[in-house]
């Protein structure tokens, strides 16, 4: 597979992983816990993302050191981005009826997807 095809395939897999982990596998209780540092279900949500990233890079043939670093980084980054977003939203009293709520959701998702692009760029030797 060409480097461009490999990169696009990895992006596709990470986008699919994100859909499953942030959509299908995320519960209301996880959402509630994400704004409180160290709560089990917020940690579980981030761990599911880390496990998904581990699976993506493991099945595509990367070395275990790379796979484990990407999984740990995804866990840590995802956890802290979600925690920060939830706290900003809650402390300002923003709800689904507030434009700022949706801006924070969009920013949260943007940061997650930029994380995946950074993983792909690094895995392809771009930095």
C-alpha atoms as a PDB file:
ATOM      1  CA  UNK A   1       0.000   0.000   0.000  1.00  0.00           C
ATOM      2  CA  UNK A   2       1.346   3.474  -0.801  1.00  0.00           C
ATOM      3  CA  UNK A   3       2.110   5.857   2.085  1.00  0.00           C
ATOM      4  CA  UNK A   4      -0.887   8.021   1.143  1.00  0.00           C
ATOM      5  CA  UNK A   5      -3.197   5.002   1.012  1.00  0.00           C
ATOM      6  CA  UNK A   6      -1.845   3.774   4.350  1.00  0.00           C
ATOM      7  CA  UNK A   7      -2.393   7.186   5.937  1.00  0.00           C
ATOM      8  CA  UNK A   8      -5.939   7.427   4.591  1.00  0.00           C
ATOM      9  CA  UNK A   9      -6.714   3.897   5.760  1.00  0.00           C
ATOM     10  CA  UNK A  10      -5.458   4.729   9.263  1.00  0.00           C
ATOM     11  CA  UNK A  11      -7.551   7.917   9.320  1.00  0.00           C
ATOM     12  CA  UNK A  12     -10.587   5.882   8.242  1.00  0.00           C
ATOM     13  CA  UNK A  13     -10.013   3.305  10.985  1.00  0.00           C
ATOM     14  CA  UNK A  14      -9.494   5.988  13.636  1.00  0.00           C
ATOM     15  CA  UNK A  15     -12.656   7.809  12.531  1.00  0.00           C
ATOM     16  CA  UNK A  16     -14.588   4.552  12.758  1.00  0.00           C
ATOM     17  CA  UNK A  17     -13.053   3.894  16.177  1.00  0.00           C
ATOM     18  CA  UNK A  18     -14.111   7.365  17.308  1.00  0.00           C
ATOM     19  CA  UNK A  19     -17.682   6.832  16.088  1.00  0.00           C
ATOM     20  CA  UNK A  20     -17.929   3.558  18.002  1.00  0.00           C
ATOM     21  CA  UNK A  21     -16.244   4.789  21.206  1.00  0.00           C
ATOM     22  CA  UNK A  22     -17.752   8.284  21.391  1.00  0.00           C
ATOM     23  CA  UNK A  23     -21.120   7.244  20.020  1.00  0.00           C
ATOM     24  CA  UNK A  24     -22.197   3.639  20.315  1.00  0.00           C
ATOM     25  CA  UNK A  25     -20.262   2.736  23.480  1.00  0.00           C
ATOM     26  CA  UNK A  26     -20.660   5.990  25.426  1.00  0.00           C
ATOM     27  CA  UNK A  27     -23.388   6.002  28.055  1.00  0.00           C
ATOM     28  CA  UNK A  28     -25.202   8.855  29.784  1.00  0.00           C
ATOM     29  CA  UNK A  29     -23.413   7.924  33.011  1.00  0.00           C
ATOM     30  CA  UNK A  30     -20.043   8.218  31.266  1.00  0.00           C
ATOM     31  CA  UNK A  31     -21.001  11.690  30.060  1.00  0.00           C
ATOM     32  CA  UNK A  32     -21.976  12.646  33.611  1.00  0.00           C
ATOM     33  CA  UNK A  33     -18.682  11.385  35.062  1.00  0.00           C
ATOM     34  CA  UNK A  34     -16.423  13.073  32.481  1.00  0.00           C
ATOM     35  CA  UNK A  35     -16.584  16.426  34.264  1.00  0.00           C
ATOM     36  CA  UNK A  36     -15.335  15.096  37.603  1.00  0.00           C
ATOM     37  CA  UNK A  37     -11.657  14.268  37.746  1.00  0.00           C
ATOM     38  CA  UNK A  38     -10.954  10.621  38.497  1.00  0.00           C
ATOM     39  CA  UNK A  39     -14.555   9.362  38.334  1.00  0.00           C
ATOM     40  CA  UNK A  40     -14.588   5.736  37.145  1.00  0.00           C
ATOM     41  CA  UNK A  41     -16.900   6.053  34.159  1.00  0.00           C
ATOM     42  CA  UNK A  42     -15.050   9.070  32.775  1.00  0.00           C
ATOM     43  CA  UNK A  43     -11.847   7.053  33.030  1.00  0.00           C
ATOM     44  CA  UNK A  44     -13.565   4.059  31.446  1.00  0.00           C
ATOM     45  CA  UNK A  45     -14.713   6.180  28.501  1.00  0.00           C
ATOM     46  CA  UNK A  46     -11.136   7.349  27.877  1.00  0.00           C
ATOM     47  CA  UNK A  47      -9.815   3.796  28.363  1.00  0.00           C
ATOM     48  CA  UNK A  48     -12.222   2.534  25.695  1.00  0.00           C
ATOM     49  CA  UNK A  49     -10.738   5.132  23.326  1.00  0.00           C
ATOM     50  CA  UNK A  50      -7.216   4.039  24.234  1.00  0.00           C
ATOM     51  CA  UNK A  51      -8.152   0.404  23.630  1.00  0.00           C
ATOM     52  CA  UNK A  52      -9.672   1.305  20.274  1.00  0.00           C
ATOM     53  CA  UNK A  53      -6.515   3.119  19.217  1.00  0.00           C
ATOM     54  CA  UNK A  54      -4.454   0.156  20.393  1.00  0.00           C
ATOM     55  CA  UNK A  55      -6.579  -2.125  18.207  1.00  0.00           C
ATOM     56  CA  UNK A  56      -6.288   0.127  15.141  1.00  0.00           C
ATOM     57  CA  UNK A  57      -2.502   0.301  15.241  1.00  0.00           C
ATOM     58  CA  UNK A  58      -2.033  -3.319  16.356  1.00  0.00           C
ATOM     59  CA  UNK A  59      -4.039  -4.780  13.474  1.00  0.00           C
ATOM     60  CA  UNK A  60      -2.276  -2.556  10.959  1.00  0.00           C
ATOM     61  CA  UNK A  61       1.125  -3.973  11.879  1.00  0.00           C
ATOM     62  CA  UNK A  62       2.862  -1.293  13.938  1.00  0.00           C
ATOM     63  CA  UNK A  63       5.390  -2.246  16.608  1.00  0.00           C
ATOM     64  CA  UNK A  64       4.118  -2.673  20.146  1.00  0.00           C
ATOM     65  CA  UNK A  65       6.074   0.295  21.485  1.00  0.00           C
ATOM     66  CA  UNK A  66       4.319   2.582  18.975  1.00  0.00           C
ATOM     67  CA  UNK A  67       0.941   0.937  19.589  1.00  0.00           C
ATOM     68  CA  UNK A  68       1.199   1.299  23.368  1.00  0.00           C
ATOM     69  CA  UNK A  69       2.375   4.917  23.197  1.00  0.00           C
ATOM     70  CA  UNK A  70      -0.484   5.894  20.864  1.00  0.00           C
ATOM     71  CA  UNK A  71      -3.011   4.079  23.087  1.00  0.00           C
ATOM     72  CA  UNK A  72      -1.710   5.758  26.254  1.00  0.00           C
ATOM     73  CA  UNK A  73      -1.634   9.164  24.589  1.00  0.00           C
ATOM     74  CA  UNK A  74      -5.161   8.739  23.254  1.00  0.00           C
ATOM     75  CA  UNK A  75      -6.379   7.762  26.726  1.00  0.00           C
ATOM     76  CA  UNK A  76      -4.692  10.757  28.387  1.00  0.00           C
ATOM     77  CA  UNK A  77      -5.561  13.328  25.731  1.00  0.00           C
ATOM     78  CA  UNK A  78      -9.138  12.136  25.329  1.00  0.00           C
ATOM     79  CA  UNK A  79      -9.694  12.129  29.087  1.00  0.00           C
ATOM     80  CA  UNK A  80      -8.350  15.640  29.632  1.00  0.00           C
ATOM     81  CA  UNK A  81     -10.064  17.161  26.588  1.00  0.00           C
ATOM     82  CA  UNK A  82     -13.425  15.741  27.703  1.00  0.00           C
ATOM     83  CA  UNK A  83     -12.841  16.792  31.324  1.00  0.00           C
ATOM     84  CA  UNK A  84     -11.930  20.339  30.285  1.00  0.00           C
ATOM     85  CA  UNK A  85     -14.874  20.651  27.901  1.00  0.00           C
ATOM     86  CA  UNK A  86     -17.346  19.384  30.486  1.00  0.00           C
ATOM     87  CA  UNK A  87     -16.044  21.788  33.121  1.00  0.00           C
ATOM     88  CA  UNK A  88     -16.172  24.798  30.813  1.00  0.00           C
ATOM     89  CA  UNK A  89     -19.722  23.922  29.762  1.00  0.00           C
ATOM     90  CA  UNK A  90     -20.929  23.265  33.321  1.00  0.00           C
ATOM     91  CA  UNK A  91     -19.235  26.252  34.925  1.00  0.00           C
ATOM     92  CA  UNK A  92     -20.848  28.566  32.385  1.00  0.00           C
ATOM     93  CA  UNK A  93     -24.258  26.909  32.602  1.00  0.00           C
ATOM     94  CA  UNK A  94     -24.332  26.251  28.873  1.00  0.00           C
ATOM     95  CA  UNK A  95     -26.992  23.854  27.615  1.00  0.00           C
ATOM     96  CA  UNK A  96     -28.054  22.465  24.266  1.00  0.00           C
ATOM     97  CA  UNK A  97     -30.031  25.704  23.853  1.00  0.00           C
ATOM     98  CA  UNK A  98     -26.825  27.785  24.061  1.00  0.00           C
ATOM     99  CA  UNK A  99     -24.626  28.303  20.978  1.00  0.00           C
ATOM    100  CA  UNK A 100     -21.496  28.151  23.149  1.00  0.00           C
ATOM    101  CA  UNK A 101     -22.399  24.581  24.173  1.00  0.00           C
ATOM    102  CA  UNK A 102     -22.276  23.495  20.540  1.00  0.00           C
ATOM    103  CA  UNK A 103     -19.069  25.419  19.939  1.00  0.00           C
ATOM    104  CA  UNK A 104     -17.446  23.497  22.792  1.00  0.00           C
ATOM    105  CA  UNK A 105     -18.733  20.176  21.418  1.00  0.00           C
ATOM    106  CA  UNK A 106     -17.266  21.074  18.019  1.00  0.00           C
ATOM    107  CA  UNK A 107     -13.942  22.147  19.573  1.00  0.00           C
ATOM    108  CA  UNK A 108     -13.802  18.939  21.632  1.00  0.00           C
ATOM    109  CA  UNK A 109     -14.338  16.822  18.510  1.00  0.00           C
ATOM    110  CA  UNK A 110     -11.829  18.878  16.524  1.00  0.00           C
ATOM    111  CA  UNK A 111      -9.106  18.273  19.126  1.00  0.00           C
ATOM    112  CA  UNK A 112      -9.845  14.534  19.156  1.00  0.00           C
ATOM    113  CA  UNK A 113      -9.579  14.347  15.374  1.00  0.00           C
ATOM    114  CA  UNK A 114      -6.379  16.419  15.317  1.00  0.00           C
ATOM    115  CA  UNK A 115      -4.943  13.915  17.791  1.00  0.00           C
ATOM    116  CA  UNK A 116      -5.659  11.119  15.316  1.00  0.00           C
ATOM    117  CA  UNK A 117      -4.094  13.080  12.462  1.00  0.00           C
ATOM    118  CA  UNK A 118      -0.981  13.611  14.590  1.00  0.00           C
ATOM    119  CA  UNK A 119      -0.784   9.853  15.275  1.00  0.00           C
ATOM    120  CA  UNK A 120      -1.081   9.097  11.574  1.00  0.00           C
ATOM    121  CA  UNK A 121       1.468  11.755  10.615  1.00  0.00           C
ATOM    122  CA  UNK A 122       3.934  10.431  13.185  1.00  0.00           C
ATOM    123  CA  UNK A 123       3.343   6.811  12.166  1.00  0.00           C
ATOM    124  CA  UNK A 124       4.102   7.779   8.560  1.00  0.00           C
ATOM    125  CA  UNK A 125       7.347   9.512   9.517  1.00  0.00           C
ATOM    126  CA  UNK A 126       6.090  13.021   8.795  1.00  0.00           C
ATOM    127  CA  UNK A 127       7.549  14.281  12.099  1.00  0.00           C
END
